[in-house]
PDB file of all heavy atoms in Angstrom:
ATOM      1  N   SER A   1      11.052   2.665  -5.898  1.00  0.00           N
ATOM      2  CA  SER A   1      11.007   1.980  -7.187  1.00  0.00           C
ATOM      3  C   SER A   1       9.805   1.035  -7.204  1.00  0.00           C
ATOM      4  O   SER A   1       9.275   0.656  -6.154  1.00  0.00           O
ATOM      5  CB  SER A   1      12.285   1.179  -7.409  1.00  0.00           C
ATOM      6  OG  SER A   1      12.365   0.107  -6.472  1.00  0.00           O
ATOM      7  N   LEU A   2       9.373   0.647  -8.379  1.00  0.00           N
ATOM      8  CA  LEU A   2       8.220  -0.252  -8.480  1.00  0.00           C
ATOM      9  C   LEU A   2       8.500  -1.571  -7.765  1.00  0.00           C
ATOM     10  O   LEU A   2       7.610  -2.139  -7.116  1.00  0.00           O
ATOM     11  CB  LEU A   2       7.859  -0.487  -9.942  1.00  0.00           C
ATOM     12  CG  LEU A   2       7.237   0.721 -10.663  1.00  0.00           C
ATOM     13  CD1 LEU A   2       7.014   0.408 -12.140  1.00  0.00           C
ATOM     14  CD2 LEU A   2       5.927   1.148 -10.013  1.00  0.00           C
ATOM     15  N   ASN A   3       9.733  -2.060  -7.841  1.00  0.00           N
ATOM     16  CA  ASN A   3      10.065  -3.315  -7.156  1.00  0.00           C
ATOM     17  C   ASN A   3       9.964  -3.161  -5.649  1.00  0.00           C
ATOM     18  O   ASN A   3       9.450  -4.048  -4.949  1.00  0.00           O
ATOM     19  CB  ASN A   3      11.467  -3.782  -7.549  1.00  0.00           C
ATOM     20  CG  ASN A   3      11.509  -4.424  -8.921  1.00  0.00           C
ATOM     21  OD1 ASN A   3      10.489  -4.905  -9.416  1.00  0.00           O
ATOM     22  ND2 ASN A   3      12.683  -4.436  -9.541  1.00  0.00           N
ATOM     23  N   ASN A   4      10.443  -2.034  -5.123  1.00  0.00           N
ATOM     24  CA  ASN A   4      10.339  -1.819  -3.680  1.00  0.00           C
ATOM     25  C   ASN A   4       8.904  -1.551  -3.254  1.00  0.00           C
ATOM     26  O   ASN A   4       8.506  -1.912  -2.140  1.00  0.00           O
ATOM     27  CB  ASN A   4      11.255  -0.678  -3.245  1.00  0.00           C
ATOM     28  CG  ASN A   4      12.683  -1.135  -2.993  1.00  0.00           C
ATOM     29  OD1 ASN A   4      12.903  -2.248  -2.508  1.00  0.00           O
ATOM     30  ND2 ASN A   4      13.654  -0.302  -3.320  1.00  0.00           N
ATOM     31  N   LEU A   5       8.116  -0.921  -4.119  1.00  0.00           N
ATOM     32  CA  LEU A   5       6.696  -0.756  -3.805  1.00  0.00           C
ATOM     33  C   LEU A   5       5.998  -2.109  -3.730  1.00  0.00           C
ATOM     34  O   LEU A   5       5.173  -2.354  -2.848  1.00  0.00           O
ATOM     35  CB  LEU A   5       6.024   0.132  -4.855  1.00  0.00           C
ATOM     36  CG  LEU A   5       6.208   1.640  -4.676  1.00  0.00           C
ATOM     37  CD1 LEU A   5       5.641   2.388  -5.877  1.00  0.00           C
ATOM     38  CD2 LEU A   5       5.545   2.125  -3.388  1.00  0.00           C
ATOM     39  N   LYS A   6       6.353  -2.985  -4.656  1.00  0.00           N
ATOM     40  CA  LYS A   6       5.769  -4.338  -4.623  1.00  0.00           C
ATOM     41  C   LYS A   6       6.159  -5.052  -3.339  1.00  0.00           C
ATOM     42  O   LYS A   6       5.349  -5.748  -2.718  1.00  0.00           O
ATOM     43  CB  LYS A   6       6.213  -5.124  -5.853  1.00  0.00           C
ATOM     44  CG  LYS A   6       5.599  -4.628  -7.156  1.00  0.00           C
ATOM     45  CD  LYS A   6       6.185  -5.347  -8.367  1.00  0.00           C
ATOM     46  CE  LYS A   6       5.614  -4.773  -9.666  1.00  0.00           C
ATOM     47  NZ  LYS A   6       6.219  -5.410 -10.871  1.00  0.00           N
ATOM     48  N   LYS A   7       7.424  -4.872  -2.923  1.00  0.00           N
ATOM     49  CA  LYS A   7       7.885  -5.473  -1.666  1.00  0.00           C
ATOM     50  C   LYS A   7       7.109  -4.899  -0.480  1.00  0.00           C
ATOM     51  O   LYS A   7       6.696  -5.636   0.425  1.00  0.00           O
ATOM     52  CB  LYS A   7       9.383  -5.229  -1.497  1.00  0.00           C
ATOM     53  CG  LYS A   7       9.968  -5.813  -0.222  1.00  0.00           C
ATOM     54  CD  LYS A   7      11.479  -5.612  -0.157  1.00  0.00           C
ATOM     55  CE  LYS A   7      12.068  -6.188   1.124  1.00  0.00           C
ATOM     56  NZ  LYS A   7      13.547  -6.050   1.175  1.00  0.00           N
ATOM     57  N   LEU A   8       6.877  -3.563  -0.495  1.00  0.00           N
ATOM     58  CA  LEU A   8       6.107  -2.923   0.571  1.00  0.00           C
ATOM     59  C   LEU A   8       4.701  -3.505   0.644  1.00  0.00           C
ATOM     60  O   LEU A   8       4.216  -3.847   1.733  1.00  0.00           O
ATOM     61  CB  LEU A   8       6.041  -1.413   0.332  1.00  0.00           C
ATOM     62  CG  LEU A   8       5.114  -0.617   1.248  1.00  0.00           C
ATOM     63  CD1 LEU A   8       5.549  -0.708   2.706  1.00  0.00           C
ATOM     64  CD2 LEU A   8       5.049   0.847   0.812  1.00  0.00           C
ATOM     65  N   PHE A   9       4.052  -3.643  -0.483  1.00  0.00           N
ATOM     66  CA  PHE A   9       2.677  -4.159  -0.476  1.00  0.00           C
ATOM     67  C   PHE A   9       2.626  -5.633  -0.052  1.00  0.00           C
ATOM     68  O   PHE A   9       1.649  -6.068   0.566  1.00  0.00           O
ATOM     69  CB  PHE A   9       2.023  -3.951  -1.839  1.00  0.00           C
ATOM     70  CG  PHE A   9       1.669  -2.501  -2.110  1.00  0.00           C
ATOM     71  CD1 PHE A   9       2.138  -1.846  -3.243  1.00  0.00           C
ATOM     72  CD2 PHE A   9       0.878  -1.795  -1.224  1.00  0.00           C
ATOM     73  CE1 PHE A   9       1.818  -0.528  -3.482  1.00  0.00           C
ATOM     74  CE2 PHE A   9       0.552  -0.465  -1.447  1.00  0.00           C
ATOM     75  CZ  PHE A   9       1.031   0.175  -2.588  1.00  0.00           C
ATOM     76  N   GLU A  10       3.670  -6.387  -0.353  1.00  0.00           N
ATOM     77  CA  GLU A  10       3.734  -7.766   0.129  1.00  0.00           C
ATOM     78  C   GLU A  10       3.810  -7.794   1.649  1.00  0.00           C
ATOM     79  O   GLU A  10       3.168  -8.624   2.307  1.00  0.00           O
ATOM     80  CB  GLU A  10       4.948  -8.482  -0.473  1.00  0.00           C
ATOM     81  CG  GLU A  10       4.786  -8.835  -1.953  1.00  0.00           C
ATOM     82  CD  GLU A  10       6.066  -9.384  -2.555  1.00  0.00           C
ATOM     83  OE1 GLU A  10       7.057  -9.587  -1.794  1.00  0.00           O
ATOM     84  OE2 GLU A  10       6.101  -9.606  -3.788  1.00  0.00           O
ATOM     85  N   ILE A  11       4.591  -6.871   2.224  1.00  0.00           N
ATOM     86  CA  ILE A  11       4.696  -6.767   3.680  1.00  0.00           C
ATOM     87  C   ILE A  11       3.338  -6.435   4.296  1.00  0.00           C
ATOM     88  O   ILE A  11       2.960  -6.963   5.352  1.00  0.00           O
ATOM     89  CB  ILE A  11       5.734  -5.689   4.058  1.00  0.00           C
ATOM     90  CG1 ILE A  11       7.132  -6.146   3.672  1.00  0.00           C
ATOM     91  CG2 ILE A  11       5.658  -5.337   5.547  1.00  0.00           C
ATOM     92  CD1 ILE A  11       8.187  -5.044   3.729  1.00  0.00           C
ATOM     93  N   LEU A  12       2.583  -5.572   3.604  1.00  0.00           N
ATOM     94  CA  LEU A  12       1.310  -5.093   4.158  1.00  0.00           C
ATOM     95  C   LEU A  12       0.154  -6.068   3.939  1.00  0.00           C
ATOM     96  O   LEU A  12      -0.941  -5.834   4.446  1.00  0.00           O
ATOM     97  CB  LEU A  12       0.955  -3.731   3.545  1.00  0.00           C
ATOM     98  CG  LEU A  12       1.950  -2.597   3.823  1.00  0.00           C
ATOM     99  CD1 LEU A  12       1.467  -1.295   3.200  1.00  0.00           C
ATOM    100  CD2 LEU A  12       2.176  -2.418   5.319  1.00  0.00           C
ATOM    101  N   GLU A  13       0.404  -7.144   3.209  1.00  0.00           N
ATOM    102  CA  GLU A  13      -0.668  -8.115   2.968  1.00  0.00           C
ATOM    103  C   GLU A  13      -1.189  -8.719   4.260  1.00  0.00           C
ATOM    104  O   GLU A  13      -2.349  -9.131   4.343  1.00  0.00           O
ATOM    105  CB  GLU A  13      -0.172  -9.225   2.034  1.00  0.00           C
ATOM    106  CG  GLU A  13      -0.115  -8.811   0.572  1.00  0.00           C
ATOM    107  CD  GLU A  13       0.399  -9.933  -0.313  1.00  0.00           C
ATOM    108  OE1 GLU A  13       0.707 -11.024   0.228  1.00  0.00           O
ATOM    109  OE2 GLU A  13       0.498  -9.717  -1.538  1.00  0.00           O
ATOM    110  N   LYS A  14      -0.356  -8.774   5.298  1.00  0.00           N
ATOM    111  CA  LYS A  14      -0.777  -9.365   6.576  1.00  0.00           C
ATOM    112  C   LYS A  14      -1.750  -8.468   7.339  1.00  0.00           C
ATOM    113  O   LYS A  14      -2.415  -8.914   8.267  1.00  0.00           O
ATOM    114  CB  LYS A  14       0.440  -9.681   7.445  1.00  0.00           C
ATOM    115  CG  LYS A  14       1.274  -8.475   7.829  1.00  0.00           C
ATOM    116  CD  LYS A  14       2.426  -8.842   8.761  1.00  0.00           C
ATOM    117  CE  LYS A  14       3.403  -9.789   8.127  1.00  0.00           C
ATOM    118  NZ  LYS A  14       4.179  -9.196   7.010  1.00  0.00           N
ATOM    119  N   ILE A  15      -1.842  -7.194   6.956  1.00  0.00           N
ATOM    120  CA  ILE A  15      -2.753  -6.278   7.646  1.00  0.00           C
ATOM    121  C   ILE A  15      -4.161  -6.440   7.087  1.00  0.00           C
ATOM    122  O   ILE A  15      -4.390  -6.304   5.882  1.00  0.00           O
ATOM    123  CB  ILE A  15      -2.268  -4.821   7.507  1.00  0.00           C
ATOM    124  CG1 ILE A  15      -0.941  -4.637   8.263  1.00  0.00           C
ATOM    125  CG2 ILE A  15      -3.323  -3.844   8.030  1.00  0.00           C
ATOM    126  CD1 ILE A  15      -0.380  -3.232   8.212  1.00  0.00           C
ATOM    127  N   LYS A  16      -5.088  -6.743   7.964  1.00  0.00           N
ATOM    128  CA  LYS A  16      -6.477  -6.979   7.549  1.00  0.00           C
ATOM    129  C   LYS A  16      -7.229  -5.648   7.470  1.00  0.00           C
ATOM    130  O   LYS A  16      -7.073  -4.797   8.338  1.00  0.00           O
ATOM    131  CB  LYS A  16      -7.173  -7.900   8.551  1.00  0.00           C
ATOM    132  CG  LYS A  16      -6.504  -9.252   8.728  1.00  0.00           C
ATOM    133  CD  LYS A  16      -7.144 -10.026   9.868  1.00  0.00           C
ATOM    134  CE  LYS A  16      -6.389 -11.319  10.159  1.00  0.00           C
ATOM    135  NZ  LYS A  16      -6.956 -12.010  11.353  1.00  0.00           N
ATOM    136  N   LEU A  17      -8.040  -5.506   6.426  1.00  0.00           N
ATOM    137  CA  LEU A  17      -8.817  -4.292   6.241  1.00  0.00           C
ATOM    138  C   LEU A  17     -10.310  -4.609   6.273  1.00  0.00           C
ATOM    139  O   LEU A  17     -10.744  -5.652   5.780  1.00  0.00           O
ATOM    140  CB  LEU A  17      -8.453  -3.628   4.904  1.00  0.00           C
ATOM    141  CG  LEU A  17      -7.011  -3.118   4.781  1.00  0.00           C
ATOM    142  CD1 LEU A  17      -6.741  -2.629   3.365  1.00  0.00           C
ATOM    143  CD2 LEU A  17      -6.730  -2.012   5.787  1.00  0.00           C
ATOM    144  N   SER A  18     -11.087  -3.700   6.860  1.00  0.00           N
ATOM    145  CA  SER A  18     -12.537  -3.876   6.919  1.00  0.00           C
ATOM    146  C   SER A  18     -13.157  -3.687   5.539  1.00  0.00           C
ATOM    147  O   SER A  18     -12.498  -3.240   4.591  1.00  0.00           O
ATOM    148  CB  SER A  18     -13.153  -2.870   7.897  1.00  0.00           C
ATOM    149  OG  SER A  18     -13.043  -1.560   7.367  1.00  0.00           O
ATOM    150  N   LYS A  19     -14.421  -3.995   5.410  1.00  0.00           N
ATOM    151  CA  LYS A  19     -15.110  -3.861   4.116  1.00  0.00           C
ATOM    152  C   LYS A  19     -15.240  -2.408   3.684  1.00  0.00           C
ATOM    153  O   LYS A  19     -15.351  -2.122   2.488  1.00  0.00           O
ATOM    154  CB  LYS A  19     -16.495  -4.513   4.197  1.00  0.00           C
ATOM    155  CG  LYS A  19     -16.445  -6.029   4.335  1.00  0.00           C
ATOM    156  CD  LYS A  19     -17.839  -6.626   4.410  1.00  0.00           C
ATOM    157  CE  LYS A  19     -17.763  -8.141   4.549  1.00  0.00           C
ATOM    158  NZ  LYS A  19     -19.123  -8.762   4.664  1.00  0.00           N
ATOM    159  N   THR A  20     -15.242  -1.491   4.639  1.00  0.00           N
ATOM    160  CA  THR A  20     -15.406  -0.066   4.314  1.00  0.00           C
ATOM    161  C   THR A  20     -14.099   0.700   4.547  1.00  0.00           C
ATOM    162  O   THR A  20     -14.120   1.862   4.936  1.00  0.00           O
ATOM    163  CB  THR A  20     -16.525   0.553   5.164  1.00  0.00           C
ATOM    164  OG1 THR A  20     -16.224   0.373   6.560  1.00  0.00           O
ATOM    165  CG2 THR A  20     -17.871  -0.090   4.848  1.00  0.00           C
ATOM    166  N   TYR A  21     -12.974   0.064   4.294  1.00  0.00           N
ATOM    167  CA  TYR A  21     -11.675   0.640   4.611  1.00  0.00           C
ATOM    168  C   TYR A  21     -11.356   1.867   3.756  1.00  0.00           C
ATOM    169  O   TYR A  21     -11.877   2.052   2.659  1.00  0.00           O
ATOM    170  CB  TYR A  21     -10.572  -0.404   4.422  1.00  0.00           C
ATOM    171  CG  TYR A  21     -10.244  -0.715   2.975  1.00  0.00           C
ATOM    172  CD1 TYR A  21      -9.278   0.007   2.282  1.00  0.00           C
ATOM    173  CD2 TYR A  21     -10.899  -1.745   2.296  1.00  0.00           C
ATOM    174  CE1 TYR A  21      -8.980  -0.262   0.954  1.00  0.00           C
ATOM    175  CE2 TYR A  21     -10.600  -2.031   0.975  1.00  0.00           C
ATOM    176  CZ  TYR A  21      -9.634  -1.288   0.312  1.00  0.00           C
ATOM    177  OH  TYR A  21      -9.341  -1.557  -1.001  1.00  0.00           O
ATOM    178  N   GLU A  22     -10.438   2.683   4.292  1.00  0.00           N
ATOM    179  CA  GLU A  22      -9.832   3.792   3.560  1.00  0.00           C
ATOM    180  C   GLU A  22      -8.320   3.556   3.597  1.00  0.00           C
ATOM    181  O   GLU A  22      -7.724   3.462   4.663  1.00  0.00           O
ATOM    182  CB  GLU A  22     -10.171   5.120   4.235  1.00  0.00           C
ATOM    183  CG  GLU A  22      -9.469   6.345   3.614  1.00  0.00           C
ATOM    184  CD  GLU A  22      -9.608   7.573   4.507  1.00  0.00           C
ATOM    185  OE1 GLU A  22     -10.595   8.306   4.339  1.00  0.00           O
ATOM    186  OE2 GLU A  22      -8.722   7.780   5.376  1.00  0.00           O
ATOM    187  N   PHE A  23      -7.702   3.457   2.418  1.00  0.00           N
ATOM    188  CA  PHE A  23      -6.266   3.174   2.304  1.00  0.00           C
ATOM    189  C   PHE A  23      -5.647   4.288   1.473  1.00  0.00           C
ATOM    190  O   PHE A  23      -5.827   4.370   0.265  1.00  0.00           O
ATOM    191  CB  PHE A  23      -6.071   1.803   1.646  1.00  0.00           C
ATOM    192  CG  PHE A  23      -4.638   1.325   1.565  1.00  0.00           C
ATOM    193  CD1 PHE A  23      -4.365   0.045   1.123  1.00  0.00           C
ATOM    194  CD2 PHE A  23      -3.557   2.126   1.925  1.00  0.00           C
ATOM    195  CE1 PHE A  23      -3.057  -0.427   1.028  1.00  0.00           C
ATOM    196  CE2 PHE A  23      -2.250   1.670   1.848  1.00  0.00           C
ATOM    197  CZ  PHE A  23      -2.000   0.388   1.388  1.00  0.00           C
ATOM    198  N   THR A  24      -4.907   5.176   2.173  1.00  0.00           N
ATOM    199  CA  THR A  24      -4.338   6.369   1.543  1.00  0.00           C
ATOM    200  C   THR A  24      -2.851   6.176   1.249  1.00  0.00           C
ATOM    201  O   THR A  24      -2.119   5.607   2.069  1.00  0.00           O
ATOM    202  CB  THR A  24      -4.506   7.598   2.460  1.00  0.00           C
ATOM    203  OG1 THR A  24      -5.894   7.785   2.757  1.00  0.00           O
ATOM    204  CG2 THR A  24      -3.969   8.857   1.786  1.00  0.00           C
ATOM    205  N   PHE A  25      -2.427   6.692   0.109  1.00  0.00           N
ATOM    206  CA  PHE A  25      -1.021   6.633  -0.300  1.00  0.00           C
ATOM    207  C   PHE A  25      -0.609   8.016  -0.773  1.00  0.00           C
ATOM    208  O   PHE A  25      -1.251   8.602  -1.637  1.00  0.00           O
ATOM    209  CB  PHE A  25      -0.851   5.615  -1.430  1.00  0.00           C
ATOM    210  CG  PHE A  25       0.572   5.349  -1.832  1.00  0.00           C
ATOM    211  CD1 PHE A  25       1.278   4.301  -1.273  1.00  0.00           C
ATOM    212  CD2 PHE A  25       1.211   6.132  -2.787  1.00  0.00           C
ATOM    213  CE1 PHE A  25       2.598   4.039  -1.644  1.00  0.00           C
ATOM    214  CE2 PHE A  25       2.517   5.888  -3.162  1.00  0.00           C
ATOM    215  CZ  PHE A  25       3.219   4.833  -2.595  1.00  0.00           C
ATOM    216  N   GLU A  26       0.485   8.561  -0.177  1.00  0.00           N
ATOM    217  CA  GLU A  26       0.962   9.892  -0.561  1.00  0.00           C
ATOM    218  C   GLU A  26       1.856   9.827  -1.796  1.00  0.00           C
ATOM    219  O   GLU A  26       2.708   8.938  -1.912  1.00  0.00           O
ATOM    220  CB  GLU A  26       1.744  10.532   0.593  1.00  0.00           C
ATOM    221  CG  GLU A  26       0.877  10.963   1.754  1.00  0.00           C
ATOM    222  CD  GLU A  26       1.657  11.709   2.825  1.00  0.00           C
ATOM    223  OE1 GLU A  26       2.904  11.746   2.747  1.00  0.00           O
ATOM    224  OE2 GLU A  26       1.019  12.242   3.746  1.00  0.00           O
ATOM    225  N   CYS A  27       1.671  10.798  -2.699  1.00  0.00           N
ATOM    226  CA  CYS A  27       2.449  10.854  -3.940  1.00  0.00           C
ATOM    227  C   CYS A  27       2.966  12.257  -4.196  1.00  0.00           C
ATOM    228  O   CYS A  27       2.300  13.236  -3.870  1.00  0.00           O
ATOM    229  CB  CYS A  27       1.584  10.487  -5.147  1.00  0.00           C
ATOM    230  SG  CYS A  27       0.830   8.862  -5.120  1.00  0.00           S
ATOM    231  N   ASN A  28       4.129  12.345  -4.826  1.00  0.00           N
ATOM    232  CA  ASN A  28       4.545  13.564  -5.491  1.00  0.00           C
ATOM    233  C   ASN A  28       4.040  13.509  -6.923  1.00  0.00           C
ATOM    234  O   ASN A  28       4.077  12.436  -7.554  1.00  0.00           O
ATOM    235  CB  ASN A  28       6.067  13.724  -5.472  1.00  0.00           C
ATOM    236  CG  ASN A  28       6.542  14.582  -4.309  1.00  0.00           C
ATOM    237  OD1 ASN A  28       5.757  15.022  -3.468  1.00  0.00           O
ATOM    238  ND2 ASN A  28       7.840  14.803  -4.251  1.00  0.00           N
ATOM    239  N   TYR A  29       3.615  14.629  -7.443  1.00  0.00           N
ATOM    240  CA  TYR A  29       3.003  14.615  -8.774  1.00  0.00           C
ATOM    241  C   TYR A  29       3.961  14.098  -9.845  1.00  0.00           C
ATOM    242  O   TYR A  29       3.545  13.420 -10.794  1.00  0.00           O
ATOM    243  CB  TYR A  29       2.502  16.018  -9.146  1.00  0.00           C
ATOM    244  CG  TYR A  29       3.581  16.958  -9.629  1.00  0.00           C
ATOM    245  CD1 TYR A  29       3.915  17.030 -10.976  1.00  0.00           C
ATOM    246  CD2 TYR A  29       4.287  17.765  -8.739  1.00  0.00           C
ATOM    247  CE1 TYR A  29       4.921  17.885 -11.417  1.00  0.00           C
ATOM    248  CE2 TYR A  29       5.281  18.612  -9.171  1.00  0.00           C
ATOM    249  CZ  TYR A  29       5.598  18.673 -10.511  1.00  0.00           C
ATOM    250  OH  TYR A  29       6.588  19.509 -10.955  1.00  0.00           O
ATOM    251  N   ASP A  30       5.276  14.376  -9.697  1.00  0.00           N
ATOM    252  CA  ASP A  30       6.213  13.982 -10.745  1.00  0.00           C
ATOM    253  C   ASP A  30       6.587  12.504 -10.683  1.00  0.00           C
ATOM    254  O   ASP A  30       7.325  12.011 -11.541  1.00  0.00           O
ATOM    255  CB  ASP A  30       7.474  14.859 -10.723  1.00  0.00           C
ATOM    256  CG  ASP A  30       8.090  15.014  -9.355  1.00  0.00           C
ATOM    257  OD1 ASP A  30       7.428  14.666  -8.365  1.00  0.00           O
ATOM    258  OD2 ASP A  30       9.235  15.486  -9.278  1.00  0.00           O
TER     259      ASP A  30
END
């Protein structure tokens, strides 16, 4: 759900990314 996705991204805020990072997210088309 969008709320749980927001919670997931809040958890991931502590992970530092480089300036040239690649951040992939898997989706189902529907």
